[in-house]
PDB file of N, CA and C in Angstrom:
ATOM      1  N   MET A   1       0.140  -1.314   0.421  1.00  0.00           N
ATOM      2  CA  MET A   1      -0.218   0.106   0.307  1.00  0.00           C
ATOM      3  C   MET A   1       0.689   1.573  -0.465  1.00  0.00           C
ATOM      4  N   LYS A   2       0.354   2.099  -0.895  1.00  0.00           N
ATOM      5  CA  LYS A   2       1.138   3.644  -0.889  1.00  0.00           C
ATOM      6  C   LYS A   2      -0.155   4.696  -0.393  1.00  0.00           C
ATOM      7  N   ILE A   3       1.062   5.295   0.818  1.00  0.00           N
ATOM      8  CA  ILE A   3       0.513   6.286   0.949  1.00  0.00           C
ATOM      9  C   ILE A   3       0.859   7.738   0.521  1.00  0.00           C
ATOM     10  N   SER A   4       0.087   8.673  -0.066  1.00  0.00           N
ATOM     11  CA  SER A   4       0.638   9.856  -0.691  1.00  0.00           C
ATOM     12  C   SER A   4      -0.318  10.838   0.437  1.00  0.00           C
ATOM     13  N   ILE A   5       0.948  12.026   0.555  1.00  0.00           N
ATOM     14  CA  ILE A   5      -0.108  13.229   1.179  1.00  0.00           C
ATOM     15  C   ILE A   5       0.580  14.199   0.714  1.00  0.00           C
ATOM     16  N   PHE A   6      -0.760  15.229   0.175  1.00  0.00           N
ATOM     17  CA  PHE A   6      -0.567  16.742  -0.468  1.00  0.00           C
ATOM     18  C   PHE A   6      -0.540  17.257   0.854  1.00  0.00           C
ATOM     19  N   THR A   7       0.141  18.563   0.796  1.00  0.00           N
ATOM     20  CA  THR A   7      -0.190  19.802   1.655  1.00  0.00           C
ATOM     21  C   THR A   7      -0.088  21.200   0.651  1.00  0.00           C
ATOM     22  N   SER A   8      -0.721  21.725   0.987  1.00  0.00           N
ATOM     23  CA  SER A   8      -0.400  23.422   0.156  1.00  0.00           C
ATOM     24  C   SER A   8       0.145  24.857   0.912  1.00  0.00           C
ATOM     25  N   MET A   9       0.808  25.399   0.535  1.00  0.00           N
ATOM     26  CA  MET A   9       0.885  26.258   1.376  1.00  0.00           C
ATOM     27  C   MET A   9       2.155  27.268   0.469  1.00  0.00           C
ATOM     28  N   THR A  10       2.031  28.664   0.530  1.00  0.00           N
ATOM     29  CA  THR A  10       2.339  30.067  -0.167  1.00  0.00           C
ATOM     30  C   THR A  10       3.397  30.486   1.694  1.00  0.00           C
ATOM     31  N   ASN A  11       4.077  31.799   1.684  1.00  0.00           N
ATOM     32  CA  ASN A  11       4.903  32.203   2.211  1.00  0.00           C
ATOM     33  C   ASN A  11       4.545  31.654   3.776  1.00  0.00           C
ATOM     34  N   PRO A  12       5.394  30.419   3.690  1.00  0.00           N
ATOM     35  CA  PRO A  12       5.205  29.927   5.507  1.00  0.00           C
ATOM     36  C   PRO A  12       5.473  30.799   6.005  1.00  0.00           C
ATOM     37  N   GLU A  13       7.255  31.018   6.470  1.00  0.00           N
ATOM     38  CA  GLU A  13       7.303  31.956   7.488  1.00  0.00           C
ATOM     39  C   GLU A  13       6.844  33.114   7.294  1.00  0.00           C
ATOM     40  N   GLU A  14       6.243  33.741   6.532  1.00  0.00           N
ATOM     41  CA  GLU A  14       5.571  35.093   6.763  1.00  0.00           C
ATOM     42  C   GLU A  14       4.025  35.020   7.508  1.00  0.00           C
ATOM     43  N   ARG A  15       3.386  33.600   6.886  1.00  0.00           N
ATOM     44  CA  ARG A  15       2.631  33.774   7.912  1.00  0.00           C
ATOM     45  C   ARG A  15       2.391  32.613   8.576  1.00  0.00           C
ATOM     46  N   GLY A  16       3.475  32.754  10.031  1.00  0.00           N
ATOM     47  CA  GLY A  16       3.883  31.830  10.876  1.00  0.00           C
ATOM     48  C   GLY A  16       3.477  30.391  10.490  1.00  0.00           C
ATOM     49  N   ASP A  17       3.800  29.664  10.403  1.00  0.00           N
ATOM     50  CA  ASP A  17       2.387  28.406   9.382  1.00  0.00           C
ATOM     51  C   ASP A  17       4.246  27.694   9.766  1.00  0.00           C
ATOM     52  N   PRO A  18       3.496  25.670  10.588  1.00  0.00           N
ATOM     53  CA  PRO A  18       4.378  25.505  11.277  1.00  0.00           C
ATOM     54  C   PRO A  18       5.020  24.520  10.371  1.00  0.00           C
ATOM     55  N   TRP A  19       5.856  24.838   9.355  1.00  0.00           N
ATOM     56  CA  TRP A  19       5.544  23.977   8.120  1.00  0.00           C
ATOM     57  C   TRP A  19       6.857  23.003   8.151  1.00  0.00           C
ATOM     58  N   ARG A  20       7.814  23.382   8.978  1.00  0.00           N
ATOM     59  CA  ARG A  20       8.605  22.197   8.713  1.00  0.00           C
ATOM     60  C   ARG A  20       8.227  21.199   9.244  1.00  0.00           C
ATOM     61  N   GLU A  21       7.653  21.491  10.838  1.00  0.00           N
ATOM     62  CA  GLU A  21       6.794  20.216  11.876  1.00  0.00           C
ATOM     63  C   GLU A  21       6.075  19.095  10.889  1.00  0.00           C
ATOM     64  N   ALA A  22       5.152  20.284  10.128  1.00  0.00           N
ATOM     65  CA  ALA A  22       3.961  19.534   9.582  1.00  0.00           C
ATOM     66  C   ALA A  22       4.998  18.895   8.289  1.00  0.00           C
ATOM     67  N   LEU A  23       6.525  19.128   7.950  1.00  0.00           N
ATOM     68  CA  LEU A  23       6.376  18.198   6.786  1.00  0.00           C
ATOM     69  C   LEU A  23       7.132  17.916   7.392  1.00  0.00           C
ATOM     70  N   ASN A  24       7.886  17.570   8.480  1.00  0.00           N
ATOM     71  CA  ASN A  24       8.825  15.928   8.907  1.00  0.00           C
ATOM     72  C   ASN A  24       7.753  14.452   9.331  1.00  0.00           C
ATOM     73  N   CYS A  25       5.943  15.443   9.476  1.00  0.00           N
ATOM     74  CA  CYS A  25       4.961  14.352  10.127  1.00  0.00           C
ATOM     75  C   CYS A  25       5.006  13.905   9.262  1.00  0.00           C
ATOM     76  N   TYR A  26       4.796  14.923   8.103  1.00  0.00           N
ATOM     77  CA  TYR A  26       3.853  13.858   6.787  1.00  0.00           C
ATOM     78  C   TYR A  26       5.059  13.267   6.168  1.00  0.00           C
ATOM     79  N   LYS A  27       5.993  13.059   6.325  1.00  0.00           N
ATOM     80  CA  LYS A  27       6.725  12.182   5.979  1.00  0.00           C
ATOM     81  C   LYS A  27       7.219  11.267   6.541  1.00  0.00           C
ATOM     82  N   ASP A  28       7.068  11.143   8.040  1.00  0.00           N
ATOM     83  CA  ASP A  28       7.492   9.858   8.716  1.00  0.00           C
ATOM     84  C   ASP A  28       6.116   8.730   8.826  1.00  0.00           C
ATOM     85  N   LEU A  29       4.615   8.902   8.098  1.00  0.00           N
ATOM     86  CA  LEU A  29       4.004   8.473   7.506  1.00  0.00           C
ATOM     87  C   LEU A  29       3.463   8.363   5.635  1.00  0.00           C
ATOM     88  N   ALA A  30       3.988   8.828   4.630  1.00  0.00           N
ATOM     89  CA  ALA A  30       3.949   9.084   3.493  1.00  0.00           C
ATOM     90  C   ALA A  30       4.747   8.527   3.133  1.00  0.00           C
ATOM     91  N   ASP A  31       4.530   7.232   1.808  1.00  0.00           N
ATOM     92  CA  ASP A  31       5.650   7.192   0.562  1.00  0.00           C
ATOM     93  C   ASP A  31       6.395   8.113  -0.227  1.00  0.00           C
ATOM     94  N   GLU A  32       4.786   9.413  -0.248  1.00  0.00           N
ATOM     95  CA  GLU A  32       5.030  10.840  -1.054  1.00  0.00           C
ATOM     96  C   GLU A  32       4.558  11.289  -1.096  1.00  0.00           C
ATOM     97  N   LEU A  33       5.463  12.827  -0.564  1.00  0.00           N
ATOM     98  CA  LEU A  33       5.098  14.046   0.127  1.00  0.00           C
ATOM     99  C   LEU A  33       4.611  15.026  -1.462  1.00  0.00           C
ATOM    100  N   ILE A  34       3.844  15.219  -1.367  1.00  0.00           N
ATOM    101  CA  ILE A  34       3.484  16.510  -2.837  1.00  0.00           C
ATOM    102  C   ILE A  34       2.690  17.827  -1.755  1.00  0.00           C
ATOM    103  N   ILE A  35       3.635  18.714  -2.608  1.00  0.00           N
ATOM    104  CA  ILE A  35       3.951  20.514  -2.054  1.00  0.00           C
ATOM    105  C   ILE A  35       2.767  20.875  -3.012  1.00  0.00           C
ATOM    106  N   VAL A  36       1.645  21.625  -2.839  1.00  0.00           N
ATOM    107  CA  VAL A  36       1.393  22.675  -4.930  1.00  0.00           C
ATOM    108  C   VAL A  36       1.006  23.741  -3.492  1.00  0.00           C
ATOM    109  N   GLY A  37       0.364  25.102  -4.641  1.00  0.00           N
ATOM    110  CA  GLY A  37      -0.326  25.792  -3.326  1.00  0.00           C
ATOM    111  C   GLY A  37       1.341  27.745  -3.423  1.00  0.00           C
ATOM    112  N   GLN A  38       2.205  26.956  -3.915  1.00  0.00           N
ATOM    113  CA  GLN A  38       2.720  28.109  -3.487  1.00  0.00           C
ATOM    114  C   GLN A  38       2.546  29.619  -4.013  1.00  0.00           C
ATOM    115  N   ASP A  39       2.013  29.494  -5.053  1.00  0.00           N
ATOM    116  CA  ASP A  39       1.048  30.730  -6.057  1.00  0.00           C
ATOM    117  C   ASP A  39       0.204  30.503  -5.830  1.00  0.00           C
ATOM    118  N   TRP A  40      -0.066  30.859  -4.544  1.00  0.00           N
ATOM    119  CA  TRP A  40      -1.062  31.903  -3.678  1.00  0.00           C
ATOM    120  C   TRP A  40      -1.826  33.056  -4.022  1.00  0.00           C
ATOM    121  N   PRO A  41      -2.929  33.274  -5.641  1.00  0.00           N
ATOM    122  CA  PRO A  41      -2.811  34.968  -5.356  1.00  0.00           C
ATOM    123  C   PRO A  41      -3.075  35.771  -4.105  1.00  0.00           C
ATOM    124  N   GLN A  42      -2.536  37.135  -4.197  1.00  0.00           N
ATOM    125  CA  GLN A  42      -2.844  37.915  -3.368  1.00  0.00           C
ATOM    126  C   GLN A  42      -4.003  37.848  -2.452  1.00  0.00           C
ATOM    127  N   GLU A  43      -4.983  38.113  -3.992  1.00  0.00           N
ATOM    128  CA  GLU A  43      -6.711  37.922  -3.582  1.00  0.00           C
ATOM    129  C   GLU A  43      -7.221  37.290  -2.674  1.00  0.00           C
ATOM    130  N   PHE A  44      -7.979  37.263  -2.446  1.00  0.00           N
ATOM    131  CA  PHE A  44      -8.240  35.573  -1.477  1.00  0.00           C
ATOM    132  C   PHE A  44      -9.653  35.635  -2.979  1.00  0.00           C
ATOM    133  N   LYS A  45      -9.697  33.863  -3.205  1.00  0.00           N
ATOM    134  CA  LYS A  45     -10.851  32.948  -4.468  1.00  0.00           C
ATOM    135  C   LYS A  45     -10.704  32.100  -3.627  1.00  0.00           C
ATOM    136  N   PHE A  46     -12.236  32.242  -3.269  1.00  0.00           N
ATOM    137  CA  PHE A  46     -12.562  30.034  -2.624  1.00  0.00           C
ATOM    138  C   PHE A  46     -12.396  29.521  -3.797  1.00  0.00           C
ATOM    139  N   SER A  47     -13.140  29.918  -5.170  1.00  0.00           N
ATOM    140  CA  SER A  47     -12.725  28.948  -5.903  1.00  0.00           C
ATOM    141  C   SER A  47     -11.030  28.234  -6.352  1.00  0.00           C
ATOM    142  N   TYR A  48     -10.498  29.378  -6.096  1.00  0.00           N
ATOM    143  CA  TYR A  48      -8.881  28.286  -6.034  1.00  0.00           C
ATOM    144  C   TYR A  48      -8.225  27.626  -5.086  1.00  0.00           C
ATOM    145  N   ILE A  49      -9.533  27.797  -3.870  1.00  0.00           N
ATOM    146  CA  ILE A  49      -8.903  26.138  -2.911  1.00  0.00           C
ATOM    147  C   ILE A  49      -9.310  25.049  -3.547  1.00  0.00           C
ATOM    148  N   GLY A  50     -10.120  24.837  -4.388  1.00  0.00           N
ATOM    149  CA  GLY A  50     -11.016  23.598  -5.335  1.00  0.00           C
ATOM    150  C   GLY A  50      -9.458  23.327  -6.206  1.00  0.00           C
ATOM    151  N   GLU A  51      -9.192  24.416  -7.292  1.00  0.00           N
ATOM    152  CA  GLU A  51      -7.935  24.229  -7.832  1.00  0.00           C
ATOM    153  C   GLU A  51      -6.821  23.962  -7.889  1.00  0.00           C
ATOM    154  N   VAL A  52      -5.690  24.171  -6.392  1.00  0.00           N
ATOM    155  CA  VAL A  52      -5.150  23.495  -5.596  1.00  0.00           C
ATOM    156  C   VAL A  52      -5.292  22.134  -5.383  1.00  0.00           C
ATOM    157  N   PHE A  53      -6.690  22.274  -4.286  1.00  0.00           N
ATOM    158  CA  PHE A  53      -6.717  20.558  -3.828  1.00  0.00           C
ATOM    159  C   PHE A  53      -6.702  19.648  -5.183  1.00  0.00           C
ATOM    160  N   GLN A  54      -7.504  20.194  -6.195  1.00  0.00           N
ATOM    161  CA  GLN A  54      -7.187  19.082  -7.482  1.00  0.00           C
ATOM    162  C   GLN A  54      -5.877  18.653  -8.126  1.00  0.00           C
ATOM    163  N   GLU A  55      -5.628  20.353  -7.831  1.00  0.00           N
ATOM    164  CA  GLU A  55      -3.693  19.728  -8.481  1.00  0.00           C
ATOM    165  C   GLU A  55      -3.288  18.417  -7.934  1.00  0.00           C
ATOM    166  N   GLY A  56      -3.081  18.902  -6.143  1.00  0.00           N
ATOM    167  CA  GLY A  56      -2.457  18.194  -5.107  1.00  0.00           C
ATOM    168  C   GLY A  56      -2.770  16.484  -5.536  1.00  0.00           C
ATOM    169  N   PHE A  57      -4.278  17.016  -5.660  1.00  0.00           N
ATOM    170  CA  PHE A  57      -4.960  14.927  -5.456  1.00  0.00           C
ATOM    171  C   PHE A  57      -4.200  14.570  -7.300  1.00  0.00           C
ATOM    172  N   ASN A  58      -4.670  15.047  -8.507  1.00  0.00           N
ATOM    173  CA  ASN A  58      -3.737  15.044  -9.008  1.00  0.00           C
ATOM    174  C   ASN A  58      -2.401  14.344  -9.082  1.00  0.00           C
ATOM    175  N   LYS A  59      -1.403  14.888  -8.665  1.00  0.00           N
ATOM    176  CA  LYS A  59      -0.051  14.835  -8.620  1.00  0.00           C
ATOM    177  C   LYS A  59       0.262  13.510  -7.820  1.00  0.00           C
ATOM    178  N   SER A  60      -1.134  13.021  -7.144  1.00  0.00           N
ATOM    179  CA  SER A  60      -0.482  11.857  -5.841  1.00  0.00           C
ATOM    180  C   SER A  60      -0.495  10.600  -6.179  1.00  0.00           C
ATOM    181  N   THR A  61       0.294  10.157  -6.850  1.00  0.00           N
ATOM    182  CA  THR A  61       0.050   8.224  -7.380  1.00  0.00           C
ATOM    183  C   THR A  61      -0.066   6.831  -6.012  1.00  0.00           C
ATOM    184  N   GLY A  62      -0.455   7.764  -4.800  1.00  0.00           N
ATOM    185  CA  GLY A  62      -0.849   6.808  -4.426  1.00  0.00           C
ATOM    186  C   GLY A  62      -2.167   5.426  -3.784  1.00  0.00           C
ATOM    187  N   ASP A  63      -2.294   4.513  -3.340  1.00  0.00           N
ATOM    188  CA  ASP A  63      -3.575   3.720  -2.950  1.00  0.00           C
ATOM    189  C   ASP A  63      -4.271   4.360  -2.432  1.00  0.00           C
ATOM    190  N   TRP A  64      -3.783   5.130  -1.331  1.00  0.00           N
ATOM    191  CA  TRP A  64      -4.878   6.342  -0.288  1.00  0.00           C
ATOM    192  C   TRP A  64      -3.788   8.087  -0.489  1.00  0.00           C
ATOM    193  N   VAL A  65      -4.682   8.286  -0.488  1.00  0.00           N
ATOM    194  CA  VAL A  65      -4.065   9.649  -0.881  1.00  0.00           C
ATOM    195  C   VAL A  65      -5.126  11.332   0.270  1.00  0.00           C
ATOM    196  N   ILE A  66      -3.610  11.516   0.788  1.00  0.00           N
ATOM    197  CA  ILE A  66      -4.147  12.303   1.936  1.00  0.00           C
ATOM    198  C   ILE A  66      -4.415  13.756   1.796  1.00  0.00           C
ATOM    199  N   HIS A  67      -5.562  14.334   2.650  1.00  0.00           N
ATOM    200  CA  HIS A  67      -4.920  16.069   2.543  1.00  0.00           C
ATOM    201  C   HIS A  67      -5.251  16.467   3.378  1.00  0.00           C
ATOM    202  N   MET A  68      -3.637  17.192   3.679  1.00  0.00           N
ATOM    203  CA  MET A  68      -3.036  17.820   4.781  1.00  0.00           C
ATOM    204  C   MET A  68      -2.985  19.484   4.367  1.00  0.00           C
ATOM    205  N   ASP A  69      -3.926  19.944   6.214  1.00  0.00           N
ATOM    206  CA  ASP A  69      -3.291  21.393   5.304  1.00  0.00           C
ATOM    207  C   ASP A  69      -2.090  21.961   6.059  1.00  0.00           C
ATOM    208  N   ILE A  70      -1.486  22.819   6.097  1.00  0.00           N
ATOM    209  CA  ILE A  70       0.287  22.573   6.653  1.00  0.00           C
ATOM    210  C   ILE A  70      -0.126  22.256   7.733  1.00  0.00           C
ATOM    211  N   ASP A  71      -1.190  22.965   8.904  1.00  0.00           N
ATOM    212  CA  ASP A  71      -1.180  23.405  10.036  1.00  0.00           C
ATOM    213  C   ASP A  71      -1.747  22.034  11.053  1.00  0.00           C
ATOM    214  N   ASN A  72      -2.587  21.347  10.207  1.00  0.00           N
ATOM    215  CA  ASN A  72      -2.564  20.306  10.783  1.00  0.00           C
ATOM    216  C   ASN A  72      -1.251  19.387  11.124  1.00  0.00           C
ATOM    217  N   PHE A  73      -1.748  18.581  12.564  1.00  0.00           N
ATOM    218  CA  PHE A  73      -0.681  16.999  11.992  1.00  0.00           C
ATOM    219  C   PHE A  73      -1.136  15.695  12.597  1.00  0.00           C
ATOM    220  N   PHE A  74      -0.052  14.549  12.132  1.00  0.00           N
ATOM    221  CA  PHE A  74      -1.202  13.280  13.193  1.00  0.00           C
ATOM    222  C   PHE A  74      -0.354  12.501  14.155  1.00  0.00           C
ATOM    223  N   HIS A  75      -0.329  12.994  14.823  1.00  0.00           N
ATOM    224  CA  HIS A  75      -0.106  12.052  15.901  1.00  0.00           C
ATOM    225  C   HIS A  75       1.092  11.198  16.280  1.00  0.00           C
ATOM    226  N   GLU A  76       2.084  11.057  16.469  1.00  0.00           N
ATOM    227  CA  GLU A  76       2.394   9.760  16.356  1.00  0.00           C
ATOM    228  C   GLU A  76       2.099   8.751  17.482  1.00  0.00           C
ATOM    229  N   LYS A  77       1.657   8.529  18.270  1.00  0.00           N
ATOM    230  CA  LYS A  77       0.905   7.770  18.804  1.00  0.00           C
ATOM    231  C   LYS A  77       0.168   7.389  17.723  1.00  0.00           C
ATOM    232  N   ASP A  78      -0.440   7.882  17.346  1.00  0.00           N
ATOM    233  CA  ASP A  78      -1.524   7.376  15.669  1.00  0.00           C
ATOM    234  C   ASP A  78      -1.042   6.817  14.972  1.00  0.00           C
ATOM    235  N   MET A  79       0.154   6.484  14.641  1.00  0.00           N
ATOM    236  CA  MET A  79       0.355   6.347  13.219  1.00  0.00           C
ATOM    237  C   MET A  79       0.463   4.734  12.636  1.00  0.00           C
ATOM    238  N   GLU A  80       0.564   4.063  14.187  1.00  0.00           N
ATOM    239  CA  GLU A  80       0.347   2.663  13.591  1.00  0.00           C
ATOM    240  C   GLU A  80      -1.590   2.162  13.257  1.00  0.00           C
ATOM    241  N   LEU A  81      -2.113   3.128  14.221  1.00  0.00           N
ATOM    242  CA  LEU A  81      -3.113   3.003  13.919  1.00  0.00           C
ATOM    243  C   LEU A  81      -3.825   3.864  12.445  1.00  0.00           C
ATOM    244  N   LEU A  82      -3.331   4.478  11.896  1.00  0.00           N
ATOM    245  CA  LEU A  82      -3.290   4.980  11.127  1.00  0.00           C
ATOM    246  C   LEU A  82      -3.887   4.249   9.354  1.00  0.00           C
ATOM    247  N   ILE A  83      -2.564   3.509   9.765  1.00  0.00           N
ATOM    248  CA  ILE A  83      -2.311   2.157   8.841  1.00  0.00           C
ATOM    249  C   ILE A  83      -2.266   1.191   8.671  1.00  0.00           C
ATOM    250  N   ASN A  84      -3.133   1.074   9.468  1.00  0.00           N
ATOM    251  CA  ASN A  84      -4.268   0.185  10.096  1.00  0.00           C
ATOM    252  C   ASN A  84      -5.596   0.181   9.499  1.00  0.00           C
ATOM    253  N   THR A  85      -5.640   1.111  10.238  1.00  0.00           N
ATOM    254  CA  THR A  85      -7.030   1.951   9.332  1.00  0.00           C
ATOM    255  C   THR A  85      -7.498   1.959   7.745  1.00  0.00           C
ATOM    256  N   LEU A  86      -6.077   2.854   7.261  1.00  0.00           N
ATOM    257  CA  LEU A  86      -6.141   2.148   5.780  1.00  0.00           C
ATOM    258  C   LEU A  86      -6.311   0.946   4.821  1.00  0.00           C
ATOM    259  N   LYS A  87      -5.417   0.283   5.584  1.00  0.00           N
ATOM    260  CA  LYS A  87      -5.451  -1.703   4.951  1.00  0.00           C
ATOM    261  C   LYS A  87      -6.108  -2.043   5.995  1.00  0.00           C
ATOM    262  N   GLN A  88      -6.972  -1.633   6.468  1.00  0.00           N
ATOM    263  CA  GLN A  88      -8.137  -2.941   6.476  1.00  0.00           C
ATOM    264  C   GLN A  88      -9.680  -1.928   5.601  1.00  0.00           C
ATOM    265  N   ASN A  89      -9.394  -1.291   5.385  1.00  0.00           N
ATOM    266  CA  ASN A  89     -10.679  -0.237   4.445  1.00  0.00           C
ATOM    267  C   ASN A  89     -10.024   0.079   2.991  1.00  0.00           C
ATOM    268  N   SER A  90      -9.263  -0.847   2.723  1.00  0.00           N
ATOM    269  CA  SER A  90      -8.752  -0.632   1.022  1.00  0.00           C
ATOM    270  C   SER A  90     -10.104  -0.654   0.071  1.00  0.00           C
ATOM    271  N   ASP A  91     -11.228  -1.743   0.331  1.00  0.00           N
ATOM    272  CA  ASP A  91     -12.458  -0.874  -0.170  1.00  0.00           C
ATOM    273  C   ASP A  91     -12.783   0.081  -0.252  1.00  0.00           C
ATOM    274  N   LEU A  92     -13.556   1.098   0.359  1.00  0.00           N
ATOM    275  CA  LEU A  92     -13.649   2.485   0.748  1.00  0.00           C
ATOM    276  C   LEU A  92     -13.221   3.007  -0.139  1.00  0.00           C
ATOM    277  N   PRO A  93     -14.287   3.962  -1.061  1.00  0.00           N
ATOM    278  CA  PRO A  93     -13.400   5.772  -1.468  1.00  0.00           C
ATOM    279  C   PRO A  93     -12.779   6.354  -0.876  1.00  0.00           C
ATOM    280  N   THR A  94     -13.500   6.560   0.832  1.00  0.00           N
ATOM    281  CA  THR A  94     -12.603   8.261   1.701  1.00  0.00           C
ATOM    282  C   THR A  94     -13.077   7.410   3.193  1.00  0.00           C
ATOM    283  N   ILE A  95     -11.993   7.912   3.935  1.00  0.00           N
ATOM    284  CA  ILE A  95     -12.475   7.902   5.303  1.00  0.00           C
ATOM    285  C   ILE A  95     -12.055   8.321   5.816  1.00  0.00           C
ATOM    286  N   THR A  96     -12.246   9.120   7.088  1.00  0.00           N
ATOM    287  CA  THR A  96     -12.774  10.935   7.433  1.00  0.00           C
ATOM    288  C   THR A  96     -11.862   9.824   9.004  1.00  0.00           C
ATOM    289  N   PHE A  97     -11.385  11.027   9.198  1.00  0.00           N
ATOM    290  CA  PHE A  97     -10.258  11.059  10.699  1.00  0.00           C
ATOM    291  C   PHE A  97     -10.987  11.906  11.917  1.00  0.00           C
ATOM    292  N   PRO A  98     -10.964  11.811  13.176  1.00  0.00           N
ATOM    293  CA  PRO A  98     -11.015  12.377  13.557  1.00  0.00           C
ATOM    294  C   PRO A  98     -10.163  14.666  13.392  1.00  0.00           C
ATOM    295  N   LYS A  99     -10.714  15.509  13.485  1.00  0.00           N
ATOM    296  CA  LYS A  99     -10.091  16.795  14.544  1.00  0.00           C
ATOM    297  C   LYS A  99      -9.853  17.113  14.967  1.00  0.00           C
ATOM    298  N   TYR A 100      -8.832  17.208  16.431  1.00  0.00           N
ATOM    299  CA  TYR A 100      -9.063  18.020  17.466  1.00  0.00           C
ATOM    300  C   TYR A 100      -8.748  19.416  17.243  1.00  0.00           C
ATOM    301  N   GLN A 101      -9.169  19.840  18.480  1.00  0.00           N
ATOM    302  CA  GLN A 101      -8.482  21.079  18.490  1.00  0.00           C
ATOM    303  C   GLN A 101      -8.355  20.742  19.840  1.00  0.00           C
ATOM    304  N   ILE A 102      -6.664  21.743  19.814  1.00  0.00           N
ATOM    305  CA  ILE A 102      -6.303  21.833  21.852  1.00  0.00           C
ATOM    306  C   ILE A 102      -5.490  23.235  22.082  1.00  0.00           C
ATOM    307  N   PHE A 103      -6.261  23.239  23.502  1.00  0.00           N
ATOM    308  CA  PHE A 103      -6.054  24.431  23.779  1.00  0.00           C
ATOM    309  C   PHE A 103      -4.451  24.277  25.265  1.00  0.00           C
ATOM    310  N   THR A 104      -4.921  23.329  25.959  1.00  0.00           N
ATOM    311  CA  THR A 104      -3.518  23.359  26.587  1.00  0.00           C
ATOM    312  C   THR A 104      -2.808  21.206  26.425  1.00  0.00           C
ATOM    313  N   PRO A 105      -2.016  21.229  26.947  1.00  0.00           N
ATOM    314  CA  PRO A 105      -2.259  19.920  27.282  1.00  0.00           C
ATOM    315  C   PRO A 105      -2.621  18.773  27.262  1.00  0.00           C
ATOM    316  N   ASP A 106      -3.663  19.186  28.474  1.00  0.00           N
ATOM    317  CA  ASP A 106      -5.195  18.285  28.724  1.00  0.00           C
ATOM    318  C   ASP A 106      -6.150  18.894  29.060  1.00  0.00           C
ATOM    319  N   ARG A 107      -6.771  19.926  27.814  1.00  0.00           N
ATOM    320  CA  ARG A 107      -7.774  20.617  26.953  1.00  0.00           C
ATOM    321  C   ARG A 107      -7.800  20.787  25.785  1.00  0.00           C
ATOM    322  N   PHE A 108      -9.614  19.829  25.641  1.00  0.00           N
ATOM    323  CA  PHE A 108      -9.157  19.690  23.606  1.00  0.00           C
ATOM    324  C   PHE A 108     -10.670  19.523  23.186  1.00  0.00           C
ATOM    325  N   HIS A 109     -10.797  19.092  21.852  1.00  0.00           N
ATOM    326  CA  HIS A 109     -12.610  18.289  22.333  1.00  0.00           C
ATOM    327  C   HIS A 109     -12.750  18.156  20.228  1.00  0.00           C
ATOM    328  N   ASN A 110     -13.127  17.436  20.007  1.00  0.00           N
ATOM    329  CA  ASN A 110     -12.907  16.914  19.212  1.00  0.00           C
ATOM    330  C   ASN A 110     -13.814  18.500  18.099  1.00  0.00           C
ATOM    331  N   LYS A 111     -13.169  18.763  17.015  1.00  0.00           N
ATOM    332  CA  LYS A 111     -13.464  20.000  17.060  1.00  0.00           C
ATOM    333  C   LYS A 111     -14.518  18.980  15.166  1.00  0.00           C
ATOM    334  N   ALA A 112     -14.005  18.254  14.440  1.00  0.00           N
ATOM    335  CA  ALA A 112     -15.438  17.437  13.252  1.00  0.00           C
ATOM    336  C   ALA A 112     -14.759  16.046  13.180  1.00  0.00           C
ATOM    337  N   ASN A 113     -14.925  15.631  12.497  1.00  0.00           N
ATOM    338  CA  ASN A 113     -14.737  14.595  11.164  1.00  0.00           C
ATOM    339  C   ASN A 113     -14.708  14.796   9.915  1.00  0.00           C
ATOM    340  N   MET A 114     -12.991  15.256   9.828  1.00  0.00           N
ATOM    341  CA  MET A 114     -12.693  15.402   8.477  1.00  0.00           C
ATOM    342  C   MET A 114     -12.571  14.578   7.625  1.00  0.00           C
ATOM    343  N   CYS A 115     -13.047  13.910   5.905  1.00  0.00           N
ATOM    344  CA  CYS A 115     -12.432  13.206   4.980  1.00  0.00           C
ATOM    345  C   CYS A 115     -11.131  13.902   4.708  1.00  0.00           C
ATOM    346  N   ILE A 116     -10.426  13.460   4.602  1.00  0.00           N
ATOM    347  CA  ILE A 116      -8.664  13.844   4.286  1.00  0.00           C
ATOM    348  C   ILE A 116      -8.150  12.698   3.574  1.00  0.00           C
ATOM    349  N   ALA A 117      -9.020  10.662   3.736  1.00  0.00           N
ATOM    350  CA  ALA A 117      -8.446  10.351   2.931  1.00  0.00           C
ATOM    351  C   ALA A 117      -9.282   9.789   1.603  1.00  0.00           C
ATOM    352  N   LEU A 118      -8.692   9.505   0.980  1.00  0.00           N
ATOM    353  CA  LEU A 118      -9.424  10.055  -0.589  1.00  0.00           C
ATOM    354  C   LEU A 118      -8.966   8.296  -0.980  1.00  0.00           C
TER     355      LEU A 118
END
């Protein structure tokens, strides 16, 4: 099973994104890492989000393709569970994962279930 992860980022230093940490996290899981959206237009357009997503998806060659925002991470303790979940559900078109909003190390909540594995 080959896992592709794609993310987008433009001017991550200027924006204060934790891009180095995120890319290291993704490399621990992915067989292929794709970065798109480096030339995001100055004027924001919702339609461009779809174009960047499609570009990342089209460049991905894995059996599973995971979209990650550059400020999202997988917890290291969840990597094995994530891989097993992908293997056990290879017949499904998508898988959702919980997204947690963390306030302090002991205070968080499940913000949403995100469909990020295609």
